[in-house]
């Protein structure tokens, strides 16, 4: 059985396929472009500042268990805020107010969760 035998069937199928193509419209993007959002711009500025600070002074690799000494420039007209979130230590490390970082002592850190001992 072919469509040539039934011309009305083939024309109906063509109309349906043409109608389905006409109904589909391109979806509109409801979100702002990521290069225009404020958080993206702030991330770019933060990276530029970090690169600038890294070029000025050597920053040692700081790991948990290290005792460090910071030499900080703190004029009386500046305010300091302690932040507890994932980026706070990175901001402190690359702050332009820090003049020097020294690693005084390295201690071994014990893991809190000892799941690796279960199989022994």
PDB file of N, CA and C in Angstrom:
ATOM      1  N   UNK A   1       0.844  -1.172   0.000  1.00  0.00           N
ATOM      2  CA  UNK A   1       0.000   0.000   0.000  1.00  0.00           C
ATOM      3  C   UNK A   1       0.891   1.237   0.000  1.00  0.00           C
ATOM      4  N   UNK A   2       0.717   2.089  -0.912  1.00  0.00           N
ATOM      5  CA  UNK A   2       1.553   3.284  -1.012  1.00  0.00           C
ATOM      6  C   UNK A   2       0.674   4.526  -0.898  1.00  0.00           C
ATOM      7  N   UNK A   3       1.337   5.640  -0.724  1.00  0.00           N
ATOM      8  CA  UNK A   3       0.594   6.904  -0.642  1.00  0.00           C
ATOM      9  C   UNK A   3       0.123   7.369  -2.014  1.00  0.00           C
ATOM     10  N   UNK A   4       0.702   6.787  -3.032  1.00  0.00           N
ATOM     11  CA  UNK A   4       0.268   7.143  -4.382  1.00  0.00           C
ATOM     12  C   UNK A   4      -1.150   6.641  -4.648  1.00  0.00           C
ATOM     13  N   UNK A   5      -1.517   5.510  -4.008  1.00  0.00           N
ATOM     14  CA  UNK A   5      -2.865   4.979  -4.193  1.00  0.00           C
ATOM     15  C   UNK A   5      -3.909   5.872  -3.536  1.00  0.00           C
ATOM     16  N   UNK A   6      -3.521   6.496  -2.410  1.00  0.00           N
ATOM     17  CA  UNK A   6      -4.460   7.340  -1.670  1.00  0.00           C
ATOM     18  C   UNK A   6      -3.891   8.756  -1.580  1.00  0.00           C
ATOM     19  N   UNK A   7      -4.177   9.611  -2.561  1.00  0.00           N
ATOM     20  CA  UNK A   7      -3.612  10.963  -2.559  1.00  0.00           C
ATOM     21  C   UNK A   7      -4.132  11.813  -1.409  1.00  0.00           C
ATOM     22  N   UNK A   8      -5.365  11.561  -0.939  1.00  0.00           N
ATOM     23  CA  UNK A   8      -5.894  12.379   0.158  1.00  0.00           C
ATOM     24  C   UNK A   8      -5.170  12.103   1.467  1.00  0.00           C
ATOM     25  N   UNK A   9      -4.651  10.899   1.660  1.00  0.00           N
ATOM     26  CA  UNK A   9      -3.912  10.557   2.886  1.00  0.00           C
ATOM     27  C   UNK A   9      -2.587  11.293   2.908  1.00  0.00           C
ATOM     28  N   UNK A  10      -1.883  11.302   1.780  1.00  0.00           N
ATOM     29  CA  UNK A  10      -0.578  11.970   1.726  1.00  0.00           C
ATOM     30  C   UNK A  10      -0.732  13.477   1.912  1.00  0.00           C
ATOM     31  N   UNK A  11      -1.778  14.068   1.352  1.00  0.00           N
ATOM     32  CA  UNK A  11      -1.969  15.507   1.509  1.00  0.00           C
ATOM     33  C   UNK A  11      -2.304  15.847   2.959  1.00  0.00           C
ATOM     34  N   UNK A  12      -3.061  14.982   3.660  1.00  0.00           N
ATOM     35  CA  UNK A  12      -3.368  15.219   5.072  1.00  0.00           C
ATOM     36  C   UNK A  12      -2.100  15.136   5.910  1.00  0.00           C
ATOM     37  N   UNK A  13      -1.246  14.171   5.596  1.00  0.00           N
ATOM     38  CA  UNK A  13       0.003  14.037   6.347  1.00  0.00           C
ATOM     39  C   UNK A  13       0.894  15.255   6.128  1.00  0.00           C
ATOM     40  N   UNK A  14       0.927  15.766   4.915  1.00  0.00           N
ATOM     41  CA  UNK A  14       1.726  16.950   4.626  1.00  0.00           C
ATOM     42  C   UNK A  14       1.177  18.158   5.362  1.00  0.00           C
ATOM     43  N   UNK A  15      -0.160  18.287   5.429  1.00  0.00           N
ATOM     44  CA  UNK A  15      -0.767  19.405   6.140  1.00  0.00           C
ATOM     45  C   UNK A  15      -0.446  19.333   7.624  1.00  0.00           C
ATOM     46  N   UNK A  16      -0.482  18.142   8.191  1.00  0.00           N
ATOM     47  CA  UNK A  16      -0.180  17.979   9.618  1.00  0.00           C
ATOM     48  C   UNK A  16       1.275  18.338   9.889  1.00  0.00           C
ATOM     49  N   UNK A  17       2.173  17.868   9.046  1.00  0.00           N
ATOM     50  CA  UNK A  17       3.593  18.161   9.263  1.00  0.00           C
ATOM     51  C   UNK A  17       3.880  19.650   9.078  1.00  0.00           C
ATOM     52  N   UNK A  18       3.233  20.296   8.111  1.00  0.00           N
ATOM     53  CA  UNK A  18       3.415  21.732   7.905  1.00  0.00           C
ATOM     54  C   UNK A  18       2.827  22.500   9.079  1.00  0.00           C
ATOM     55  N   UNK A  19       1.673  22.075   9.581  1.00  0.00           N
ATOM     56  CA  UNK A  19       1.046  22.745  10.716  1.00  0.00           C
ATOM     57  C   UNK A  19       1.911  22.614  11.961  1.00  0.00           C
ATOM     58  N   UNK A  20       2.512  21.454  12.161  1.00  0.00           N
ATOM     59  CA  UNK A  20       3.352  21.270  13.348  1.00  0.00           C
ATOM     60  C   UNK A  20       4.606  22.134  13.262  1.00  0.00           C
ATOM     61  N   UNK A  21       5.112  22.364  12.062  1.00  0.00           N
ATOM     62  CA  UNK A  21       6.277  23.233  11.905  1.00  0.00           C
ATOM     63  C   UNK A  21       5.922  24.683  12.179  1.00  0.00           C
ATOM     64  N   UNK A  22       4.731  25.090  11.802  1.00  0.00           N
ATOM     65  CA  UNK A  22       4.319  26.471  12.011  1.00  0.00           C
ATOM     66  C   UNK A  22       4.047  26.764  13.477  1.00  0.00           C
ATOM     67  N   UNK A  23       3.598  25.788  14.241  1.00  0.00           N
ATOM     68  CA  UNK A  23       3.256  25.999  15.644  1.00  0.00           C
ATOM     69  C   UNK A  23       4.511  26.178  16.491  1.00  0.00           C
ATOM     70  N   UNK A  24       5.574  25.476  16.166  1.00  0.00           N
ATOM     71  CA  UNK A  24       6.787  25.554  16.967  1.00  0.00           C
ATOM     72  C   UNK A  24       7.455  26.907  16.770  1.00  0.00           C
ATOM     73  N   UNK A  25       7.639  27.601  17.882  1.00  0.00           N
ATOM     74  CA  UNK A  25       8.303  28.891  17.859  1.00  0.00           C
ATOM     75  C   UNK A  25       9.587  28.772  18.677  1.00  0.00           C
ATOM     76  N   UNK A  26      10.567  29.550  18.360  1.00  0.00           N
ATOM     77  CA  UNK A  26      11.805  29.476  19.145  1.00  0.00           C
ATOM     78  C   UNK A  26      11.549  29.948  20.573  1.00  0.00           C
ATOM     79  N   UNK A  27      12.169  29.248  21.515  1.00  0.00           N
ATOM     80  CA  UNK A  27      11.992  29.614  22.917  1.00  0.00           C
ATOM     81  C   UNK A  27      12.788  30.872  23.218  1.00  0.00           C
ATOM     82  N   UNK A  28      12.190  31.742  24.001  1.00  0.00           N
ATOM     83  CA  UNK A  28      12.873  32.963  24.381  1.00  0.00           C
ATOM     84  C   UNK A  28      13.672  32.708  25.645  1.00  0.00           C
ATOM     85  N   UNK A  29      14.852  33.254  25.700  1.00  0.00           N
ATOM     86  CA  UNK A  29      15.697  33.109  26.872  1.00  0.00           C
ATOM     87  C   UNK A  29      15.221  34.096  27.932  1.00  0.00           C
ATOM     88  N   UNK A  30      14.796  33.585  29.074  1.00  0.00           N
ATOM     89  CA  UNK A  30      14.247  34.440  30.119  1.00  0.00           C
ATOM     90  C   UNK A  30      15.320  34.909  31.093  1.00  0.00           C
ATOM     91  N   UNK A  31      16.536  34.429  30.927  1.00  0.00           N
ATOM     92  CA  UNK A  31      17.602  34.777  31.847  1.00  0.00           C
ATOM     93  C   UNK A  31      18.529  35.804  31.209  1.00  0.00           C
ATOM     94  N   UNK A  32      19.186  36.575  32.070  1.00  0.00           N
ATOM     95  CA  UNK A  32      20.148  37.541  31.570  1.00  0.00           C
ATOM     96  C   UNK A  32      21.394  36.815  31.089  1.00  0.00           C
ATOM     97  N   UNK A  33      22.087  37.431  30.192  1.00  0.00           N
ATOM     98  CA  UNK A  33      23.343  36.854  29.730  1.00  0.00           C
ATOM     99  C   UNK A  33      24.333  36.831  30.889  1.00  0.00           C
ATOM    100  N   UNK A  34      25.095  35.753  31.044  1.00  0.00           N
ATOM    101  CA  UNK A  34      25.989  35.668  32.205  1.00  0.00           C
ATOM    102  C   UNK A  34      27.084  36.723  32.204  1.00  0.00           C
ATOM    103  N   UNK A  35      27.444  37.249  31.040  1.00  0.00           N
ATOM    104  CA  UNK A  35      28.486  38.267  31.024  1.00  0.00           C
ATOM    105  C   UNK A  35      27.972  39.636  31.456  1.00  0.00           C
ATOM    106  N   UNK A  36      26.664  39.755  31.689  1.00  0.00           N
ATOM    107  CA  UNK A  36      26.104  41.028  32.127  1.00  0.00           C
ATOM    108  C   UNK A  36      25.651  41.005  33.585  1.00  0.00           C
ATOM    109  N   UNK A  37      25.675  39.859  34.239  1.00  0.00           N
ATOM    110  CA  UNK A  37      25.219  39.805  35.621  1.00  0.00           C
ATOM    111  C   UNK A  37      26.285  40.388  36.536  1.00  0.00           C
ATOM    112  N   UNK A  38      25.839  40.924  37.644  1.00  0.00           N
ATOM    113  CA  UNK A  38      26.756  41.579  38.576  1.00  0.00           C
ATOM    114  C   UNK A  38      27.711  40.579  39.215  1.00  0.00           C
ATOM    115  N   UNK A  39      27.251  39.373  39.503  1.00  0.00           N
ATOM    116  CA  UNK A  39      28.139  38.395  40.139  1.00  0.00           C
ATOM    117  C   UNK A  39      29.265  37.998  39.195  1.00  0.00           C
ATOM    118  N   UNK A  40      28.972  37.890  37.912  1.00  0.00           N
ATOM    119  CA  UNK A  40      30.014  37.546  36.939  1.00  0.00           C
ATOM    120  C   UNK A  40      31.052  38.667  36.852  1.00  0.00           C
ATOM    121  N   UNK A  41      30.590  39.891  36.860  1.00  0.00           N
ATOM    122  CA  UNK A  41      31.506  41.030  36.802  1.00  0.00           C
ATOM    123  C   UNK A  41      32.364  41.083  38.057  1.00  0.00           C
ATOM    124  N   UNK A  42      31.763  40.817  39.228  1.00  0.00           N
ATOM    125  CA  UNK A  42      32.532  40.812  40.475  1.00  0.00           C
ATOM    126  C   UNK A  42      33.568  39.693  40.475  1.00  0.00           C
ATOM    127  N   UNK A  43      33.231  38.524  39.931  1.00  0.00           N
ATOM    128  CA  UNK A  43      34.198  37.428  39.851  1.00  0.00           C
ATOM    129  C   UNK A  43      35.386  37.812  38.975  1.00  0.00           C
ATOM    130  N   UNK A  44      35.124  38.481  37.877  1.00  0.00           N
ATOM    131  CA  UNK A  44      36.211  38.926  37.000  1.00  0.00           C
ATOM    132  C   UNK A  44      37.109  39.924  37.728  1.00  0.00           C
ATOM    133  N   UNK A  45      36.505  40.873  38.449  1.00  0.00           N
ATOM    134  CA  UNK A  45      37.294  41.860  39.185  1.00  0.00           C
ATOM    135  C   UNK A  45      38.106  41.202  40.293  1.00  0.00           C
ATOM    136  N   UNK A  46      37.523  40.216  40.995  1.00  0.00           N
ATOM    137  CA  UNK A  46      38.252  39.497  42.039  1.00  0.00           C
ATOM    138  C   UNK A  46      39.461  38.774  41.460  1.00  0.00           C
ATOM    139  N   UNK A  47      39.289  38.122  40.316  1.00  0.00           N
ATOM    140  CA  UNK A  47      40.406  37.407  39.684  1.00  0.00           C
ATOM    141  C   UNK A  47      41.516  38.372  39.276  1.00  0.00           C
ATOM    142  N   UNK A  48      41.140  39.540  38.782  1.00  0.00           N
ATOM    143  CA  UNK A  48      42.146  40.533  38.400  1.00  0.00           C
ATOM    144  C   UNK A  48      42.938  40.998  39.616  1.00  0.00           C
ATOM    145  N   UNK A  49      42.248  41.236  40.734  1.00  0.00           N
ATOM    146  CA  UNK A  49      42.929  41.672  41.954  1.00  0.00           C
ATOM    147  C   UNK A  49      43.849  40.579  42.497  1.00  0.00           C
ATOM    148  N   UNK A  50      43.394  39.326  42.454  1.00  0.00           N
ATOM    149  CA  UNK A  50      44.222  38.208  42.919  1.00  0.00           C
ATOM    150  C   UNK A  50      45.477  38.100  42.063  1.00  0.00           C
ATOM    151  N   UNK A  51      45.341  38.237  40.763  1.00  0.00           N
ATOM    152  CA  UNK A  51      46.504  38.186  39.874  1.00  0.00           C
ATOM    153  C   UNK A  51      47.481  39.319  40.174  1.00  0.00           C
ATOM    154  N   UNK A  52      46.938  40.495  40.461  1.00  0.00           N
ATOM    155  CA  UNK A  52      47.784  41.644  40.774  1.00  0.00           C
ATOM    156  C   UNK A  52      48.566  41.412  42.069  1.00  0.00           C
ATOM    157  N   UNK A  53      47.902  40.876  43.101  1.00  0.00           N
ATOM    158  CA  UNK A  53      48.560  40.618  44.379  1.00  0.00           C
ATOM    159  C   UNK A  53      49.596  39.509  44.237  1.00  0.00           C
ATOM    160  N   UNK A  54      49.289  38.469  43.468  1.00  0.00           N
ATOM    161  CA  UNK A  54      50.247  37.385  43.267  1.00  0.00           C
ATOM    162  C   UNK A  54      51.492  37.874  42.539  1.00  0.00           C
ATOM    163  N   UNK A  55      51.346  38.843  41.669  1.00  0.00           N
ATOM    164  CA  UNK A  55      52.508  39.387  40.967  1.00  0.00           C
ATOM    165  C   UNK A  55      53.380  40.211  41.909  1.00  0.00           C
ATOM    166  N   UNK A  56      52.770  40.863  42.904  1.00  0.00           N
ATOM    167  CA  UNK A  56      53.515  41.718  43.824  1.00  0.00           C
ATOM    168  C   UNK A  56      54.309  40.922  44.850  1.00  0.00           C
ATOM    169  N   UNK A  57      53.715  39.881  45.429  1.00  0.00           N
ATOM    170  CA  UNK A  57      54.398  39.145  46.499  1.00  0.00           C
ATOM    171  C   UNK A  57      54.141  37.651  46.368  1.00  0.00           C
ATOM    172  N   UNK A  58      55.027  36.878  46.994  1.00  0.00           N
ATOM    173  CA  UNK A  58      54.899  35.426  46.965  1.00  0.00           C
ATOM    174  C   UNK A  58      53.958  34.987  48.082  1.00  0.00           C
ATOM    175  N   UNK A  59      52.972  34.183  47.740  1.00  0.00           N
ATOM    176  CA  UNK A  59      52.007  33.689  48.721  1.00  0.00           C
ATOM    177  C   UNK A  59      52.260  32.199  48.916  1.00  0.00           C
ATOM    178  N   UNK A  60      52.633  31.784  50.146  1.00  0.00           N
ATOM    179  CA  UNK A  60      52.914  30.360  50.363  1.00  0.00           C
ATOM    180  C   UNK A  60      51.641  29.525  50.325  1.00  0.00           C
ATOM    181  N   UNK A  61      51.826  28.236  50.097  1.00  0.00           N
ATOM    182  CA  UNK A  61      50.700  27.303  50.103  1.00  0.00           C
ATOM    183  C   UNK A  61      50.308  27.050  51.555  1.00  0.00           C
ATOM    184  N   UNK A  62      49.113  27.455  51.946  1.00  0.00           N
ATOM    185  CA  UNK A  62      48.652  27.336  53.331  1.00  0.00           C
ATOM    186  C   UNK A  62      47.669  26.190  53.410  1.00  0.00           C
ATOM    187  N   UNK A  63      47.952  25.248  54.312  1.00  0.00           N
ATOM    188  CA  UNK A  63      47.115  24.063  54.484  1.00  0.00           C
ATOM    189  C   UNK A  63      46.620  23.981  55.924  1.00  0.00           C
ATOM    190  N   UNK A  64      45.614  23.146  56.180  1.00  0.00           N
ATOM    191  CA  UNK A  64      45.154  22.971  57.565  1.00  0.00           C
ATOM    192  C   UNK A  64      46.283  22.452  58.445  1.00  0.00           C
ATOM    193  N   UNK A  65      46.395  23.004  59.653  1.00  0.00           N
ATOM    194  CA  UNK A  65      47.433  22.602  60.586  1.00  0.00           C
ATOM    195  C   UNK A  65      48.650  23.505  60.560  1.00  0.00           C
ATOM    196  N   UNK A  66      48.709  24.466  59.661  1.00  0.00           N
ATOM    197  CA  UNK A  66      49.846  25.377  59.582  1.00  0.00           C
ATOM    198  C   UNK A  66      49.603  26.554  60.521  1.00  0.00           C
ATOM    199  N   UNK A  67      50.652  26.944  61.254  1.00  0.00           N
ATOM    200  CA  UNK A  67      50.606  28.163  62.044  1.00  0.00           C
ATOM    201  C   UNK A  67      51.259  29.246  61.201  1.00  0.00           C
ATOM    202  N   UNK A  68      50.523  30.328  60.982  1.00  0.00           N
ATOM    203  CA  UNK A  68      51.045  31.387  60.119  1.00  0.00           C
ATOM    204  C   UNK A  68      51.104  32.705  60.873  1.00  0.00           C
ATOM    205  N   UNK A  69      51.956  33.575  60.382  1.00  0.00           N
ATOM    206  CA  UNK A  69      52.077  34.916  60.925  1.00  0.00           C
ATOM    207  C   UNK A  69      51.794  35.898  59.797  1.00  0.00           C
ATOM    208  N   UNK A  70      50.893  36.828  60.055  1.00  0.00           N
ATOM    209  CA  UNK A  70      50.527  37.838  59.065  1.00  0.00           C
ATOM    210  C   UNK A  70      51.013  39.205  59.524  1.00  0.00           C
ATOM    211  N   UNK A  71      51.616  39.946  58.626  1.00  0.00           N
ATOM    212  CA  UNK A  71      51.927  41.349  58.889  1.00  0.00           C
ATOM    213  C   UNK A  71      50.914  42.159  58.096  1.00  0.00           C
ATOM    214  N   UNK A  72      50.058  42.865  58.838  1.00  0.00           N
ATOM    215  CA  UNK A  72      48.920  43.546  58.226  1.00  0.00           C
ATOM    216  C   UNK A  72      49.047  45.048  58.431  1.00  0.00           C
ATOM    217  N   UNK A  73      48.741  45.797  57.402  1.00  0.00           N
ATOM    218  CA  UNK A  73      48.659  47.246  57.507  1.00  0.00           C
ATOM    219  C   UNK A  73      47.222  47.579  57.879  1.00  0.00           C
ATOM    220  N   UNK A  74      47.031  48.167  59.064  1.00  0.00           N
ATOM    221  CA  UNK A  74      45.675  48.453  59.528  1.00  0.00           C
ATOM    222  C   UNK A  74      45.589  49.884  60.051  1.00  0.00           C
ATOM    223  N   UNK A  75      45.391  50.836  59.182  1.00  0.00           N
ATOM    224  CA  UNK A  75      45.193  52.210  59.656  1.00  0.00           C
ATOM    225  C   UNK A  75      43.913  52.315  60.485  1.00  0.00           C
ATOM    226  N   UNK A  76      43.822  53.357  61.259  1.00  0.00           N
ATOM    227  CA  UNK A  76      42.688  53.501  62.172  1.00  0.00           C
ATOM    228  C   UNK A  76      41.370  53.746  61.451  1.00  0.00           C
ATOM    229  N   UNK A  77      41.405  54.224  60.240  1.00  0.00           N
ATOM    230  CA  UNK A  77      40.154  54.535  59.553  1.00  0.00           C
ATOM    231  C   UNK A  77      39.580  53.343  58.794  1.00  0.00           C
ATOM    232  N   UNK A  78      40.207  52.163  58.882  1.00  0.00           N
ATOM    233  CA  UNK A  78      39.684  50.995  58.188  1.00  0.00           C
ATOM    234  C   UNK A  78      38.947  50.084  59.161  1.00  0.00           C
ATOM    235  N   UNK A  79      37.900  49.440  58.667  1.00  0.00           N
ATOM    236  CA  UNK A  79      37.132  48.489  59.459  1.00  0.00           C
ATOM    237  C   UNK A  79      37.419  47.085  58.961  1.00  0.00           C
ATOM    238  N   UNK A  80      37.438  46.123  59.884  1.00  0.00           N
ATOM    239  CA  UNK A  80      37.657  44.734  59.517  1.00  0.00           C
ATOM    240  C   UNK A  80      36.428  43.927  59.876  1.00  0.00           C
ATOM    241  N   UNK A  81      36.100  42.973  59.052  1.00  0.00           N
ATOM    242  CA  UNK A  81      34.929  42.129  59.277  1.00  0.00           C
ATOM    243  C   UNK A  81      35.353  40.682  59.100  1.00  0.00           C
ATOM    244  N   UNK A  82      35.053  39.847  60.081  1.00  0.00           N
ATOM    245  CA  UNK A  82      35.378  38.427  59.990  1.00  0.00           C
ATOM    246  C   UNK A  82      34.195  37.722  59.355  1.00  0.00           C
ATOM    247  N   UNK A  83      34.439  37.034  58.250  1.00  0.00           N
ATOM    248  CA  UNK A  83      33.374  36.335  57.533  1.00  0.00           C
ATOM    249  C   UNK A  83      33.616  34.844  57.602  1.00  0.00           C
ATOM    250  N   UNK A  84      32.564  34.081  57.849  1.00  0.00           N
ATOM    251  CA  UNK A  84      32.694  32.628  57.902  1.00  0.00           C
ATOM    252  C   UNK A  84      31.949  32.022  56.728  1.00  0.00           C
ATOM    253  N   UNK A  85      32.600  31.908  55.609  1.00  0.00           N
ATOM    254  CA  UNK A  85      32.076  31.178  54.464  1.00  0.00           C
ATOM    255  C   UNK A  85      33.260  30.708  53.644  1.00  0.00           C
ATOM    256  N   UNK A  86      33.006  30.037  52.571  1.00  0.00           N
ATOM    257  CA  UNK A  86      34.074  29.342  51.847  1.00  0.00           C
ATOM    258  C   UNK A  86      35.120  30.277  51.251  1.00  0.00           C
ATOM    259  N   UNK A  87      34.774  31.496  50.897  1.00  0.00           N
ATOM    260  CA  UNK A  87      35.732  32.399  50.262  1.00  0.00           C
ATOM    261  C   UNK A  87      36.474  33.298  51.247  1.00  0.00           C
ATOM    262  N   UNK A  88      36.130  33.266  52.531  1.00  0.00           N
ATOM    263  CA  UNK A  88      36.697  34.229  53.466  1.00  0.00           C
ATOM    264  C   UNK A  88      38.202  34.066  53.609  1.00  0.00           C
ATOM    265  N   UNK A  89      38.700  32.833  53.618  1.00  0.00           N
ATOM    266  CA  UNK A  89      40.136  32.625  53.764  1.00  0.00           C
ATOM    267  C   UNK A  89      40.882  33.066  52.514  1.00  0.00           C
ATOM    268  N   UNK A  90      40.292  32.860  51.357  1.00  0.00           N
ATOM    269  CA  UNK A  90      40.930  33.294  50.117  1.00  0.00           C
ATOM    270  C   UNK A  90      40.988  34.821  50.061  1.00  0.00           C
ATOM    271  N   UNK A  91      39.932  35.481  50.505  1.00  0.00           N
ATOM    272  CA  UNK A  91      39.940  36.940  50.513  1.00  0.00           C
ATOM    273  C   UNK A  91      41.006  37.454  51.471  1.00  0.00           C
ATOM    274  N   UNK A  92      41.130  36.773  52.612  1.00  0.00           N
ATOM    275  CA  UNK A  92      42.134  37.180  53.587  1.00  0.00           C
ATOM    276  C   UNK A  92      43.529  36.974  53.013  1.00  0.00           C
ATOM    277  N   UNK A  93      43.750  35.884  52.315  1.00  0.00           N
ATOM    278  CA  UNK A  93      45.070  35.557  51.780  1.00  0.00           C
ATOM    279  C   UNK A  93      45.503  36.560  50.714  1.00  0.00           C
ATOM    280  N   UNK A  94      44.575  37.017  49.896  1.00  0.00           N
ATOM    281  CA  UNK A  94      44.911  37.921  48.804  1.00  0.00           C
ATOM    282  C   UNK A  94      44.557  39.373  49.107  1.00  0.00           C
ATOM    283  N   UNK A  95      44.317  39.683  50.358  1.00  0.00           N
ATOM    284  CA  UNK A  95      43.951  41.044  50.729  1.00  0.00           C
ATOM    285  C   UNK A  95      45.130  41.987  50.486  1.00  0.00           C
ATOM    286  N   UNK A  96      44.874  43.179  49.961  1.00  0.00           N
ATOM    287  CA  UNK A  96      45.980  44.121  49.752  1.00  0.00           C
ATOM    288  C   UNK A  96      46.523  44.691  51.062  1.00  0.00           C
ATOM    289  N   UNK A  97      45.807  44.520  52.177  1.00  0.00           N
ATOM    290  CA  UNK A  97      46.275  45.017  53.470  1.00  0.00           C
ATOM    291  C   UNK A  97      47.365  44.133  54.065  1.00  0.00           C
ATOM    292  N   UNK A  98      47.486  42.894  53.614  1.00  0.00           N
ATOM    293  CA  UNK A  98      48.499  41.978  54.141  1.00  0.00           C
ATOM    294  C   UNK A  98      49.819  42.276  53.445  1.00  0.00           C
ATOM    295  N   UNK A  99      50.839  42.534  54.240  1.00  0.00           N
ATOM    296  CA  UNK A  99      52.149  42.866  53.683  1.00  0.00           C
ATOM    297  C   UNK A  99      53.057  41.644  53.598  1.00  0.00           C
ATOM    298  N   UNK A 100      52.911  40.684  54.526  1.00  0.00           N
ATOM    299  CA  UNK A 100      53.789  39.517  54.517  1.00  0.00           C
ATOM    300  C   UNK A 100      53.081  38.339  55.184  1.00  0.00           C
ATOM    301  N   UNK A 101      53.322  37.138  54.667  1.00  0.00           N
ATOM    302  CA  UNK A 101      52.784  35.904  55.245  1.00  0.00           C
ATOM    303  C   UNK A 101      53.954  34.964  55.490  1.00  0.00           C
ATOM    304  N   UNK A 102      54.081  34.468  56.736  1.00  0.00           N
ATOM    305  CA  UNK A 102      55.125  33.496  57.077  1.00  0.00           C
ATOM    306  C   UNK A 102      54.473  32.247  57.642  1.00  0.00           C
ATOM    307  N   UNK A 103      54.964  31.090  57.232  1.00  0.00           N
ATOM    308  CA  UNK A 103      54.530  29.826  57.826  1.00  0.00           C
ATOM    309  C   UNK A 103      55.490  29.537  58.964  1.00  0.00           C
ATOM    310  N   UNK A 104      54.978  29.564  60.218  1.00  0.00           N
ATOM    311  CA  UNK A 104      55.833  29.366  61.382  1.00  0.00           C
ATOM    312  C   UNK A 104      56.050  27.893  61.693  1.00  0.00           C
ATOM    313  N   UNK A 105      54.976  27.110  61.636  1.00  0.00           N
ATOM    314  CA  UNK A 105      55.066  25.712  62.058  1.00  0.00           C
ATOM    315  C   UNK A 105      54.056  24.885  61.277  1.00  0.00           C
ATOM    316  N   UNK A 106      54.426  23.637  61.031  1.00  0.00           N
ATOM    317  CA  UNK A 106      53.533  22.719  60.332  1.00  0.00           C
ATOM    318  C   UNK A 106      53.215  21.566  61.268  1.00  0.00           C
ATOM    319  N   UNK A 107      51.944  21.370  61.563  1.00  0.00           N
ATOM    320  CA  UNK A 107      51.495  20.278  62.427  1.00  0.00           C
ATOM    321  C   UNK A 107      50.697  19.283  61.609  1.00  0.00           C
ATOM    322  N   UNK A 108      50.734  18.033  62.048  1.00  0.00           N
ATOM    323  CA  UNK A 108      49.940  16.997  61.397  1.00  0.00           C
ATOM    324  C   UNK A 108      48.499  17.124  61.876  1.00  0.00           C
ATOM    325  N   UNK A 109      47.566  17.050  60.964  1.00  0.00           N
ATOM    326  CA  UNK A 109      46.152  17.196  61.296  1.00  0.00           C
ATOM    327  C   UNK A 109      45.516  15.819  61.293  1.00  0.00           C
ATOM    328  N   UNK A 110      44.784  15.508  62.368  1.00  0.00           N
ATOM    329  CA  UNK A 110      44.096  14.227  62.466  1.00  0.00           C
ATOM    330  C   UNK A 110      42.724  14.354  61.821  1.00  0.00           C
ATOM    331  N   UNK A 111      42.355  13.344  61.066  1.00  0.00           N
ATOM    332  CA  UNK A 111      41.045  13.353  60.417  1.00  0.00           C
ATOM    333  C   UNK A 111      39.947  13.169  61.453  1.00  0.00           C
ATOM    334  N   UNK A 112      38.839  13.829  61.252  1.00  0.00           N
ATOM    335  CA  UNK A 112      37.711  13.709  62.165  1.00  0.00           C
ATOM    336  C   UNK A 112      36.919  12.437  61.891  1.00  0.00           C
ATOM    337  N   UNK A 113      36.791  12.050  60.645  1.00  0.00           N
ATOM    338  CA  UNK A 113      35.999  10.872  60.278  1.00  0.00           C
ATOM    339  C   UNK A 113      36.950   9.771  59.830  1.00  0.00           C
ATOM    340  N   UNK A 114      36.979   8.705  60.589  1.00  0.00           N
ATOM    341  CA  UNK A 114      37.945   7.631  60.356  1.00  0.00           C
ATOM    342  C   UNK A 114      37.301   6.449  59.655  1.00  0.00           C
ATOM    343  N   UNK A 115      36.568   6.703  58.603  1.00  0.00           N
ATOM    344  CA  UNK A 115      35.883   5.632  57.882  1.00  0.00           C
ATOM    345  C   UNK A 115      36.855   4.669  57.219  1.00  0.00           C
ATOM    346  N   UNK A 116      38.049   5.110  56.917  1.00  0.00           N
ATOM    347  CA  UNK A 116      39.002   4.246  56.241  1.00  0.00           C
ATOM    348  C   UNK A 116      39.498   3.126  57.155  1.00  0.00           C
ATOM    349  N   UNK A 117      39.283   3.226  58.476  1.00  0.00           N
ATOM    350  CA  UNK A 117      39.717   2.181  59.411  1.00  0.00           C
ATOM    351  C   UNK A 117      38.726   1.026  59.510  1.00  0.00           C
ATOM    352  N   UNK A 118      37.545   1.153  58.975  1.00  0.00           N
ATOM    353  CA  UNK A 118      36.526   0.105  59.083  1.00  0.00           C
ATOM    354  C   UNK A 118      36.958  -1.190  58.412  1.00  0.00           C
ATOM    355  N   UNK A 119      37.664  -1.092  57.306  1.00  0.00           N
ATOM    356  CA  UNK A 119      38.014  -2.272  56.527  1.00  0.00           C
ATOM    357  C   UNK A 119      39.264  -2.969  57.043  1.00  0.00           C
ATOM    358  N   UNK A 120      39.962  -2.387  57.969  1.00  0.00           N
ATOM    359  CA  UNK A 120      41.202  -2.993  58.490  1.00  0.00           C
ATOM    360  C   UNK A 120      40.890  -4.076  59.502  1.00  0.00           C
TER     361      UNK A 120
END
